[in-house]
Amino acid sequence: MALKNIYLAVNPHGGMEKGRGILELVKPVFHDNGVELKVLETEYPGHAQEMINTMDFEEVDGFCAIGGDGTFHEVVNGLLTRKDKKQVPIGLIPGGSGNSFMHTVECLDPVEAAKRIVSGNTIPVDVAEVKSGKELIYSINIIGWGLVTDIGITAENYRWLGESRYTIIAMLEIFRLKQRSATLIMDGTEEKSDFTFIMALNTKHTGKGMYAAPKAKLDDGLIDLIIVREKGKMKLLNLLPKIFDGTHIDSEIVEYYQVSRFSLIPDENEPLNIDGEITGNTPIEVKMIPGCFQFLN
């Protein structure tokens, strides 16, 4: 499709003004391809979500953002909760710390991402609809529970360690391991068990370059579940580095499933890691919505 008008959301002050630098880098791509670019500056968390949720789509061919998985999570949730149900294709120019979604579409260069956007080519992308109590959250990357959430919560208090904090905190949390008892229902099959963690992914990658779900596809109508019940600390420590190259799925302590829906009902309700943010609470019901939006790629 030919694009003429694009909205581009950017946080000009976040990440040491990284967004502003990327904006200046990609502007010529839009200009040289005859695409009118309207830059929208976000002012607070959730602003991009509000923008796409309420704006008039009559004279726009697409909505894009500069950012990472958190920003894209906002854009998708804003798009899918519009009262008029209207959609435009959406795009992302990588500018976050993890960029899991862009890892999966194999595009981590901002200029390359801009070139893909102006091409007008789109791909359909599935979304996981997460029902958490009365709350409805749409996930494009990960739904994590157990150890993976413990790591995320603790890591927030150690930002001064930089990107290495996740590896350090992961080892710490393994040593003070907490197992959880829960009922897990996958495509109608129910079981009660103790779990160390469950990750449900729509993308191949999560976090900072973790190749967590090598079999995942963005358009297969399925979500990939990685389940670990093991409570042996040394086995878990040995598993940790394997998640970065995908070889963890060959481990005897890892179970890998692809399902269209699942429910998780723990004995004790706890927060979740949804697309890198600690949000929502168990119990949850998750179902995949195939081809939920069009991504400019």
C-alpha atoms as a PDB file:
ATOM      1  CA  MET A   1       0.000   0.000   0.000  1.00  0.00           C
ATOM      2  CA  ALA A   2       1.193   3.550  -0.728  1.00  0.00           C
ATOM      3  CA  LEU A   3       1.732   5.650   2.370  1.00  0.00           C
ATOM      4  CA  LYS A   4       1.287   9.416   2.310  1.00  0.00           C
ATOM      5  CA  ASN A   5       0.728  10.441   5.918  1.00  0.00           C
ATOM      6  CA  ILE A   6       2.301   8.861   8.987  1.00  0.00           C
ATOM      7  CA  TYR A   7       2.062   9.768  12.658  1.00  0.00           C
ATOM      8  CA  LEU A   8       5.261   9.081  14.604  1.00  0.00           C
ATOM      9  CA  ALA A   9       5.252   9.104  18.418  1.00  0.00           C
ATOM     10  CA  VAL A  10       8.543   9.815  20.168  1.00  0.00           C
ATOM     11  CA  ASN A  11       9.634  10.586  23.722  1.00  0.00           C
ATOM     12  CA  PRO A  12      12.093  13.480  23.186  1.00  0.00           C
ATOM     13  CA  HIS A  13      13.404  13.371  26.752  1.00  0.00           C
ATOM     14  CA  GLY A  14      13.591   9.668  27.578  1.00  0.00           C
ATOM     15  CA  GLY A  15      16.721   7.526  27.543  1.00  0.00           C
ATOM     16  CA  MET A  16      19.214  10.421  27.492  1.00  0.00           C
ATOM     17  CA  GLU A  17      17.247  11.889  24.590  1.00  0.00           C
ATOM     18  CA  LYS A  18      17.933   8.761  22.523  1.00  0.00           C
ATOM     19  CA  GLY A  19      14.523   9.113  20.874  1.00  0.00           C
ATOM     20  CA  ARG A  20      15.341  12.574  19.549  1.00  0.00           C
ATOM     21  CA  GLY A  21      18.592  11.323  18.008  1.00  0.00           C
ATOM     22  CA  ILE A  22      16.836   8.412  16.290  1.00  0.00           C
ATOM     23  CA  LEU A  23      14.146  10.778  15.004  1.00  0.00           C
ATOM     24  CA  GLU A  24      16.746  12.970  13.277  1.00  0.00           C
ATOM     25  CA  LEU A  25      18.333   9.826  11.835  1.00  0.00           C
ATOM     26  CA  VAL A  26      15.127   8.512  10.234  1.00  0.00           C
ATOM     27  CA  LYS A  27      13.448  11.744   9.127  1.00  0.00           C
ATOM     28  CA  PRO A  28      15.238  11.771   5.724  1.00  0.00           C
ATOM     29  CA  VAL A  29      13.908   8.275   4.936  1.00  0.00           C
ATOM     30  CA  PHE A  30      10.321   9.523   5.148  1.00  0.00           C
ATOM     31  CA  HIS A  31      11.099  12.776   3.324  1.00  0.00           C
ATOM     32  CA  ASP A  32      12.947  11.068   0.479  1.00  0.00           C
ATOM     33  CA  ASN A  33      10.032   8.689  -0.076  1.00  0.00           C
ATOM     34  CA  GLY A  34       7.395  11.414  -0.190  1.00  0.00           C
ATOM     35  CA  VAL A  35       5.796  10.472   3.130  1.00  0.00           C
ATOM     36  CA  GLU A  36       4.409  13.323   5.234  1.00  0.00           C
ATOM     37  CA  LEU A  37       5.600  12.770   8.778  1.00  0.00           C
ATOM     38  CA  LYS A  38       3.726  14.252  11.730  1.00  0.00           C
ATOM     39  CA  VAL A  39       5.812  13.925  14.898  1.00  0.00           C
ATOM     40  CA  LEU A  40       3.897  13.510  18.162  1.00  0.00           C
ATOM     41  CA  GLU A  41       5.925  14.061  21.332  1.00  0.00           C
ATOM     42  CA  THR A  42       4.898  11.895  24.282  1.00  0.00           C
ATOM     43  CA  GLU A  43       4.966  13.563  27.681  1.00  0.00           C
ATOM     44  CA  TYR A  44       4.293  10.741  30.158  1.00  0.00           C
ATOM     45  CA  PRO A  45       3.966   6.931  30.369  1.00  0.00           C
ATOM     46  CA  GLY A  46       0.846   5.782  28.539  1.00  0.00           C
ATOM     47  CA  HIS A  47       0.667   8.884  26.340  1.00  0.00           C
ATOM     48  CA  ALA A  48       1.266   6.969  23.090  1.00  0.00           C
ATOM     49  CA  GLN A  49      -1.554   4.615  24.069  1.00  0.00           C
ATOM     50  CA  GLU A  50      -3.909   7.562  24.616  1.00  0.00           C
ATOM     51  CA  MET A  51      -2.891   9.146  21.307  1.00  0.00           C
ATOM     52  CA  ILE A  52      -3.672   6.180  19.073  1.00  0.00           C
ATOM     53  CA  ASN A  53      -6.766   5.336  21.115  1.00  0.00           C
ATOM     54  CA  THR A  54      -8.468   8.680  20.536  1.00  0.00           C
ATOM     55  CA  MET A  55      -7.055  10.199  17.319  1.00  0.00           C
ATOM     56  CA  ASP A  56      -8.956  10.603  14.061  1.00  0.00           C
ATOM     57  CA  PHE A  57      -7.818   8.055  11.476  1.00  0.00           C
ATOM     58  CA  GLU A  58      -9.494   9.743   8.501  1.00  0.00           C
ATOM     59  CA  GLU A  59      -6.350  11.381   7.105  1.00  0.00           C
ATOM     60  CA  VAL A  60      -3.609   9.035   8.324  1.00  0.00           C
ATOM     61  CA  ASP A  61      -2.184   5.907   6.671  1.00  0.00           C
ATOM     62  CA  GLY A  62      -0.286   4.563   9.673  1.00  0.00           C
ATOM     63  CA  PHE A  63       0.834   5.133  13.246  1.00  0.00           C
ATOM     64  CA  CYS A  64       4.410   4.421  14.294  1.00  0.00           C
ATOM     65  CA  ALA A  65       6.567   4.957  17.347  1.00  0.00           C
ATOM     66  CA  ILE A  66      10.209   5.130  18.310  1.00  0.00           C
ATOM     67  CA  GLY A  67      10.837   2.903  21.314  1.00  0.00           C
ATOM     68  CA  GLY A  68      11.018  -0.628  22.627  1.00  0.00           C
ATOM     69  CA  ASP A  69       8.597  -3.349  23.681  1.00  0.00           C
ATOM     70  CA  GLY A  70       6.966  -1.169  26.337  1.00  0.00           C
ATOM     71  CA  THR A  71       6.179   1.530  23.794  1.00  0.00           C
ATOM     72  CA  PHE A  72       4.852  -1.005  21.293  1.00  0.00           C
ATOM     73  CA  HIS A  73       2.719  -2.589  24.045  1.00  0.00           C
ATOM     74  CA  GLU A  74       1.159   0.848  24.576  1.00  0.00           C
ATOM     75  CA  VAL A  75       0.478   1.349  20.868  1.00  0.00           C
ATOM     76  CA  VAL A  76      -1.127  -2.087  20.437  1.00  0.00           C
ATOM     77  CA  ASN A  77      -3.312  -1.718  23.531  1.00  0.00           C
ATOM     78  CA  GLY A  78      -4.379   1.757  22.453  1.00  0.00           C
ATOM     79  CA  LEU A  79      -5.269   0.501  18.971  1.00  0.00           C
ATOM     80  CA  LEU A  80      -7.222  -2.546  20.117  1.00  0.00           C
ATOM     81  CA  THR A  81      -9.314  -0.694  22.714  1.00  0.00           C
ATOM     82  CA  ARG A  82     -10.606   2.036  20.386  1.00  0.00           C
ATOM     83  CA  LYS A  83     -14.346   2.520  20.762  1.00  0.00           C
ATOM     84  CA  ASP A  84     -14.860   2.742  16.998  1.00  0.00           C
ATOM     85  CA  LYS A  85     -12.761  -0.456  16.405  1.00  0.00           C
ATOM     86  CA  LYS A  86     -11.005   1.288  13.491  1.00  0.00           C
ATOM     87  CA  GLN A  87      -7.419   0.363  12.657  1.00  0.00           C
ATOM     88  CA  VAL A  88      -4.470   1.627  10.669  1.00  0.00           C
ATOM     89  CA  PRO A  89      -1.220  -0.283  10.121  1.00  0.00           C
ATOM     90  CA  ILE A  90       1.286   0.288  12.919  1.00  0.00           C
ATOM     91  CA  GLY A  91       5.070   0.285  12.933  1.00  0.00           C
ATOM     92  CA  LEU A  92       7.994   0.465  15.319  1.00  0.00           C
ATOM     93  CA  ILE A  93      11.447   2.007  15.032  1.00  0.00           C
ATOM     94  CA  PRO A  94      13.738   0.310  17.586  1.00  0.00           C
ATOM     95  CA  GLY A  95      14.827   2.609  20.378  1.00  0.00           C
ATOM     96  CA  GLY A  96      14.320   0.574  23.543  1.00  0.00           C
ATOM     97  CA  SER A  97      16.576  -1.476  25.779  1.00  0.00           C
ATOM     98  CA  GLY A  98      15.278  -4.918  24.813  1.00  0.00           C
ATOM     99  CA  ASN A  99      13.562  -4.575  21.416  1.00  0.00           C
ATOM    100  CA  SER A 100      12.276  -8.170  21.564  1.00  0.00           C
ATOM    101  CA  PHE A 101       9.609  -7.647  18.923  1.00  0.00           C
ATOM    102  CA  MET A 102      12.088  -6.082  16.498  1.00  0.00           C
ATOM    103  CA  HIS A 103      14.562  -8.900  17.233  1.00  0.00           C
ATOM    104  CA  THR A 104      11.905 -11.322  16.052  1.00  0.00           C
ATOM    105  CA  VAL A 105      11.273  -9.469  12.763  1.00  0.00           C
ATOM    106  CA  GLU A 106      15.075  -9.235  12.379  1.00  0.00           C
ATOM    107  CA  CYS A 107      15.299  -5.459  12.257  1.00  0.00           C
ATOM    108  CA  LEU A 108      17.319  -3.680  14.953  1.00  0.00           C
ATOM    109  CA  ASP A 109      18.560  -0.800  12.801  1.00  0.00           C
ATOM    110  CA  PRO A 110      16.334   2.338  13.000  1.00  0.00           C
ATOM    111  CA  VAL A 111      17.026   3.391   9.402  1.00  0.00           C
ATOM    112  CA  GLU A 112      16.197  -0.095   8.092  1.00  0.00           C
ATOM    113  CA  ALA A 113      12.977  -0.050  10.144  1.00  0.00           C
ATOM    114  CA  ALA A 114      12.020   3.318   8.628  1.00  0.00           C
ATOM    115  CA  LYS A 115      12.677   1.967   5.121  1.00  0.00           C
ATOM    116  CA  ARG A 116      10.414  -0.991   5.822  1.00  0.00           C
ATOM    117  CA  ILE A 117       7.685   1.341   7.083  1.00  0.00           C
ATOM    118  CA  VAL A 118       7.701   3.606   3.998  1.00  0.00           C
ATOM    119  CA  SER A 119       7.551   0.540   1.734  1.00  0.00           C
ATOM    120  CA  GLY A 120       3.965   0.120   2.902  1.00  0.00           C
ATOM    121  CA  ASN A 121       4.336  -3.655   3.204  1.00  0.00           C
ATOM    122  CA  THR A 122       2.475  -5.208   6.122  1.00  0.00           C
ATOM    123  CA  ILE A 123       2.333  -8.532   7.930  1.00  0.00           C
ATOM    124  CA  PRO A 124      -0.509  -9.816  10.132  1.00  0.00           C
ATOM    125  CA  VAL A 125       0.385 -10.205  13.816  1.00  0.00           C
ATOM    126  CA  ASP A 126      -1.382 -12.294  16.460  1.00  0.00           C
ATOM    127  CA  VAL A 127      -2.077 -10.892  19.905  1.00  0.00           C
ATOM    128  CA  ALA A 128      -2.603 -12.642  23.240  1.00  0.00           C
ATOM    129  CA  GLU A 129      -5.733 -11.407  25.008  1.00  0.00           C
ATOM    130  CA  VAL A 130      -5.126 -11.626  28.759  1.00  0.00           C
ATOM    131  CA  LYS A 131      -8.113 -11.554  31.114  1.00  0.00           C
ATOM    132  CA  SER A 132      -6.906 -10.646  34.605  1.00  0.00           C
ATOM    133  CA  GLY A 133      -9.937 -10.185  36.847  1.00  0.00           C
ATOM    134  CA  LYS A 134     -11.943  -7.340  35.285  1.00  0.00           C
ATOM    135  CA  GLU A 135      -8.875  -6.104  33.421  1.00  0.00           C
ATOM    136  CA  LEU A 136      -8.188  -6.903  29.751  1.00  0.00           C
ATOM    137  CA  ILE A 137      -4.571  -6.611  28.582  1.00  0.00           C
ATOM    138  CA  TYR A 138      -3.202  -7.322  25.112  1.00  0.00           C
ATOM    139  CA  SER A 139       0.271  -8.881  24.949  1.00  0.00           C
ATOM    140  CA  ILE A 140       2.571  -8.960  21.922  1.00  0.00           C
ATOM    141  CA  ASN A 141       5.677 -10.382  23.571  1.00  0.00           C
ATOM    142  CA  ILE A 142       5.627 -12.274  26.899  1.00  0.00           C
ATOM    143  CA  ILE A 143       3.374 -13.293  29.751  1.00  0.00           C
ATOM    144  CA  GLY A 144       5.640 -14.430  32.574  1.00  0.00           C
ATOM    145  CA  TRP A 145       4.843 -15.922  35.974  1.00  0.00           C
ATOM    146  CA  GLY A 146       6.908 -17.292  38.844  1.00  0.00           C
ATOM    147  CA  LEU A 147      10.691 -16.940  38.856  1.00  0.00           C
ATOM    148  CA  VAL A 148      10.722 -14.681  35.770  1.00  0.00           C
ATOM    149  CA  THR A 149       8.426 -12.213  37.535  1.00  0.00           C
ATOM    150  CA  ASP A 150      10.457 -12.375  40.755  1.00  0.00           C
ATOM    151  CA  ILE A 151      13.524 -11.399  38.724  1.00  0.00           C
ATOM    152  CA  GLY A 152      11.716  -8.461  37.104  1.00  0.00           C
ATOM    153  CA  ILE A 153      10.407  -7.112  40.404  1.00  0.00           C
ATOM    154  CA  THR A 154      13.781  -7.338  42.164  1.00  0.00           C
ATOM    155  CA  ALA A 155      15.688  -5.923  39.175  1.00  0.00           C
ATOM    156  CA  GLU A 156      13.672  -2.700  39.352  1.00  0.00           C
ATOM    157  CA  ASN A 157      15.462  -1.909  42.630  1.00  0.00           C
ATOM    158  CA  TYR A 158      18.909  -2.471  41.103  1.00  0.00           C
ATOM    159  CA  ARG A 159      18.805  -0.276  37.998  1.00  0.00           C
ATOM    160  CA  TRP A 160      22.174   1.166  39.030  1.00  0.00           C
ATOM    161  CA  LEU A 161      23.729  -2.178  38.029  1.00  0.00           C
ATOM    162  CA  GLY A 162      22.833  -1.477  34.397  1.00  0.00           C
ATOM    163  CA  GLU A 163      21.840  -4.181  31.921  1.00  0.00           C
ATOM    164  CA  SER A 164      23.849  -6.826  33.802  1.00  0.00           C
ATOM    165  CA  ARG A 165      21.376  -6.612  36.670  1.00  0.00           C
ATOM    166  CA  TYR A 166      19.072  -9.220  35.146  1.00  0.00           C
ATOM    167  CA  THR A 167      21.742 -11.920  35.095  1.00  0.00           C
ATOM    168  CA  ILE A 168      22.878 -11.059  38.623  1.00  0.00           C
ATOM    169  CA  ILE A 169      19.323 -10.927  39.989  1.00  0.00           C
ATOM    170  CA  ALA A 170      18.415 -14.160  38.171  1.00  0.00           C
ATOM    171  CA  MET A 171      21.179 -16.009  40.032  1.00  0.00           C
ATOM    172  CA  LEU A 172      20.103 -14.427  43.313  1.00  0.00           C
ATOM    173  CA  GLU A 173      16.451 -15.403  42.823  1.00  0.00           C
ATOM    174  CA  ILE A 174      17.410 -18.979  41.896  1.00  0.00           C
ATOM    175  CA  PHE A 175      19.254 -19.324  45.211  1.00  0.00           C
ATOM    176  CA  ARG A 176      16.197 -18.151  47.154  1.00  0.00           C
ATOM    177  CA  LEU A 177      13.870 -20.087  44.891  1.00  0.00           C
ATOM    178  CA  LYS A 178      10.146 -20.120  45.537  1.00  0.00           C
ATOM    179  CA  GLN A 179       7.995 -22.764  43.884  1.00  0.00           C
ATOM    180  CA  ARG A 180       4.308 -22.141  43.266  1.00  0.00           C
ATOM    181  CA  SER A 181       1.379 -24.529  43.141  1.00  0.00           C
ATOM    182  CA  ALA A 182      -1.137 -23.848  40.394  1.00  0.00           C
ATOM    183  CA  THR A 183      -3.739 -25.287  38.074  1.00  0.00           C
ATOM    184  CA  LEU A 184      -2.740 -24.942  34.428  1.00  0.00           C
ATOM    185  CA  ILE A 185      -5.274 -25.483  31.638  1.00  0.00           C
ATOM    186  CA  MET A 186      -3.916 -25.706  28.078  1.00  0.00           C
ATOM    187  CA  ASP A 187      -6.431 -26.049  25.225  1.00  0.00           C
ATOM    188  CA  GLY A 188      -8.864 -27.723  27.625  1.00  0.00           C
ATOM    189  CA  THR A 189      -6.371 -30.096  29.299  1.00  0.00           C
ATOM    190  CA  GLU A 190      -6.125 -29.403  33.040  1.00  0.00           C
ATOM    191  CA  GLU A 191      -3.429 -30.289  35.560  1.00  0.00           C
ATOM    192  CA  LYS A 192      -2.430 -29.266  39.087  1.00  0.00           C
ATOM    193  CA  SER A 193       1.310 -29.084  39.791  1.00  0.00           C
ATOM    194  CA  ASP A 194       4.201 -27.169  41.351  1.00  0.00           C
ATOM    195  CA  PHE A 195       6.021 -24.811  38.996  1.00  0.00           C
ATOM    196  CA  THR A 196       9.214 -22.767  39.058  1.00  0.00           C
ATOM    197  CA  PHE A 197       8.153 -20.542  36.177  1.00  0.00           C
ATOM    198  CA  ILE A 198       5.974 -20.325  33.098  1.00  0.00           C
ATOM    199  CA  MET A 199       6.700 -18.088  30.112  1.00  0.00           C
ATOM    200  CA  ALA A 200       4.143 -17.662  27.341  1.00  0.00           C
ATOM    201  CA  LEU A 201       5.521 -15.986  24.229  1.00  0.00           C
ATOM    202  CA  ASN A 202       4.195 -14.691  20.932  1.00  0.00           C
ATOM    203  CA  THR A 203       7.706 -13.602  19.833  1.00  0.00           C
ATOM    204  CA  LYS A 204      10.861 -15.686  19.560  1.00  0.00           C
ATOM    205  CA  HIS A 205      12.782 -13.248  21.770  1.00  0.00           C
ATOM    206  CA  THR A 206      12.279 -11.605  25.130  1.00  0.00           C
ATOM    207  CA  GLY A 207      14.331  -9.482  27.498  1.00  0.00           C
ATOM    208  CA  LYS A 208      17.776  -8.441  26.324  1.00  0.00           C
ATOM    209  CA  GLY A 209      18.305 -10.836  23.411  1.00  0.00           C
ATOM    210  CA  MET A 210      16.961 -14.008  25.051  1.00  0.00           C
ATOM    211  CA  TYR A 211      16.009 -16.552  22.354  1.00  0.00           C
ATOM    212  CA  ALA A 212      13.285 -17.915  24.585  1.00  0.00           C
ATOM    213  CA  ALA A 213      10.774 -19.375  22.100  1.00  0.00           C
ATOM    214  CA  PRO A 214      12.622 -20.522  18.948  1.00  0.00           C
ATOM    215  CA  LYS A 215       9.488 -22.105  17.439  1.00  0.00           C
ATOM    216  CA  ALA A 216       7.277 -19.027  17.858  1.00  0.00           C
ATOM    217  CA  LYS A 217       5.650 -17.358  14.859  1.00  0.00           C
ATOM    218  CA  LEU A 218       3.847 -14.029  14.849  1.00  0.00           C
ATOM    219  CA  ASP A 219       1.010 -15.304  12.665  1.00  0.00           C
ATOM    220  CA  ASP A 220       0.333 -18.960  13.566  1.00  0.00           C
ATOM    221  CA  GLY A 221      -2.545 -18.320  15.991  1.00  0.00           C
ATOM    222  CA  LEU A 222      -0.563 -20.020  18.781  1.00  0.00           C
ATOM    223  CA  ILE A 223       1.282 -18.944  21.892  1.00  0.00           C
ATOM    224  CA  ASP A 224       4.428 -20.820  22.940  1.00  0.00           C
ATOM    225  CA  LEU A 225       4.588 -21.988  26.562  1.00  0.00           C
ATOM    226  CA  ILE A 226       7.922 -22.691  28.225  1.00  0.00           C
ATOM    227  CA  ILE A 227       7.324 -24.524  31.499  1.00  0.00           C
ATOM    228  CA  VAL A 228       9.898 -25.373  34.156  1.00  0.00           C
ATOM    229  CA  ARG A 229       9.011 -27.331  37.300  1.00  0.00           C
ATOM    230  CA  GLU A 230      12.591 -28.155  38.368  1.00  0.00           C
ATOM    231  CA  LYS A 231      13.580 -26.981  41.854  1.00  0.00           C
ATOM    232  CA  GLY A 232      17.238 -28.037  41.712  1.00  0.00           C
ATOM    233  CA  LYS A 233      19.246 -24.827  41.894  1.00  0.00           C
ATOM    234  CA  MET A 234      22.289 -26.056  39.973  1.00  0.00           C
ATOM    235  CA  LYS A 235      20.135 -27.311  37.087  1.00  0.00           C
ATOM    236  CA  LEU A 236      18.414 -23.931  36.945  1.00  0.00           C
ATOM    237  CA  LEU A 237      21.738 -22.076  36.988  1.00  0.00           C
ATOM    238  CA  ASN A 238      22.987 -24.264  34.125  1.00  0.00           C
ATOM    239  CA  LEU A 239      19.787 -23.536  32.191  1.00  0.00           C
ATOM    240  CA  LEU A 240      20.137 -19.744  32.445  1.00  0.00           C
ATOM    241  CA  PRO A 241      22.800 -19.105  29.736  1.00  0.00           C
ATOM    242  CA  LYS A 242      21.099 -21.526  27.336  1.00  0.00           C
ATOM    243  CA  ILE A 243      18.062 -19.217  27.072  1.00  0.00           C
ATOM    244  CA  PHE A 244      20.194 -16.769  25.068  1.00  0.00           C
ATOM    245  CA  ASP A 245      20.797 -19.199  22.181  1.00  0.00           C
ATOM    246  CA  GLY A 246      17.601 -21.266  22.349  1.00  0.00           C
ATOM    247  CA  THR A 247      19.267 -24.531  23.419  1.00  0.00           C
ATOM    248  CA  HIS A 248      17.302 -24.491  26.691  1.00  0.00           C
ATOM    249  CA  ILE A 249      14.384 -26.149  24.895  1.00  0.00           C
ATOM    250  CA  ASP A 250      16.489 -29.311  24.544  1.00  0.00           C
ATOM    251  CA  SER A 251      16.903 -29.533  28.326  1.00  0.00           C
ATOM    252  CA  GLU A 252      15.195 -32.351  30.216  1.00  0.00           C
ATOM    253  CA  ILE A 253      13.762 -29.811  32.686  1.00  0.00           C
ATOM    254  CA  VAL A 254      12.025 -27.704  30.026  1.00  0.00           C
ATOM    255  CA  GLU A 255       8.561 -28.421  28.587  1.00  0.00           C
ATOM    256  CA  TYR A 256       7.562 -26.639  25.383  1.00  0.00           C
ATOM    257  CA  TYR A 257       3.966 -26.366  24.165  1.00  0.00           C
ATOM    258  CA  GLN A 258       2.157 -24.410  21.461  1.00  0.00           C
ATOM    259  CA  VAL A 259      -1.498 -23.691  22.285  1.00  0.00           C
ATOM    260  CA  SER A 260      -4.297 -21.381  21.229  1.00  0.00           C
ATOM    261  CA  ARG A 261      -5.444 -20.672  24.791  1.00  0.00           C
ATOM    262  CA  PHE A 262      -4.517 -21.350  28.390  1.00  0.00           C
ATOM    263  CA  SER A 263      -5.557 -20.484  31.933  1.00  0.00           C
ATOM    264  CA  LEU A 264      -3.355 -20.193  35.008  1.00  0.00           C
ATOM    265  CA  ILE A 265      -4.916 -20.427  38.469  1.00  0.00           C
ATOM    266  CA  PRO A 266      -2.278 -20.383  41.249  1.00  0.00           C
ATOM    267  CA  ASP A 267      -3.031 -21.154  44.878  1.00  0.00           C
ATOM    268  CA  GLU A 268      -1.793 -17.636  45.691  1.00  0.00           C
ATOM    269  CA  ASN A 269      -2.469 -14.723  43.355  1.00  0.00           C
ATOM    270  CA  GLU A 270       0.615 -12.769  42.267  1.00  0.00           C
ATOM    271  CA  PRO A 271       1.634 -10.129  39.688  1.00  0.00           C
ATOM    272  CA  LEU A 272       2.735 -10.991  36.162  1.00  0.00           C
ATOM    273  CA  ASN A 273       5.395  -9.855  33.719  1.00  0.00           C
ATOM    274  CA  ILE A 274       3.486  -8.746  30.623  1.00  0.00           C
ATOM    275  CA  ASP A 275       5.652  -7.412  27.793  1.00  0.00           C
ATOM    276  CA  GLY A 276       8.423  -6.516  30.224  1.00  0.00           C
ATOM    277  CA  GLU A 277       6.223  -4.631  32.696  1.00  0.00           C
ATOM    278  CA  ILE A 278       5.049  -5.913  36.071  1.00  0.00           C
ATOM    279  CA  THR A 279       1.308  -5.621  35.557  1.00  0.00           C
ATOM    280  CA  GLY A 280      -1.892  -7.629  35.975  1.00  0.00           C
ATOM    281  CA  ASN A 281      -2.460 -10.433  38.460  1.00  0.00           C
ATOM    282  CA  THR A 282      -3.306 -14.116  38.432  1.00  0.00           C
ATOM    283  CA  PRO A 283      -5.590 -15.911  37.874  1.00  0.00           C
ATOM    284  CA  ILE A 284      -5.586 -15.295  34.131  1.00  0.00           C
ATOM    285  CA  GLU A 285      -7.311 -16.573  31.013  1.00  0.00           C
ATOM    286  CA  VAL A 286      -5.345 -16.140  27.794  1.00  0.00           C
ATOM    287  CA  LYS A 287      -6.524 -16.656  24.236  1.00  0.00           C
ATOM    288  CA  MET A 288      -4.803 -15.874  20.957  1.00  0.00           C
ATOM    289  CA  ILE A 289      -6.441 -13.523  18.474  1.00  0.00           C
ATOM    290  CA  PRO A 290      -5.024 -14.401  15.030  1.00  0.00           C
ATOM    291  CA  GLY A 291      -4.031 -11.566  12.681  1.00  0.00           C
ATOM    292  CA  CYS A 292      -5.153  -8.951  15.167  1.00  0.00           C
ATOM    293  CA  PHE A 293      -3.380  -6.002  13.523  1.00  0.00           C
ATOM    294  CA  GLN A 294      -1.202  -5.161  10.534  1.00  0.00           C
ATOM    295  CA  PHE A 295       2.458  -4.396  11.176  1.00  0.00           C
ATOM    296  CA  LEU A 296       4.461  -2.233   8.768  1.00  0.00           C
ATOM    297  CA  ASN A 297       7.380  -4.462   7.809  1.00  0.00           C
END
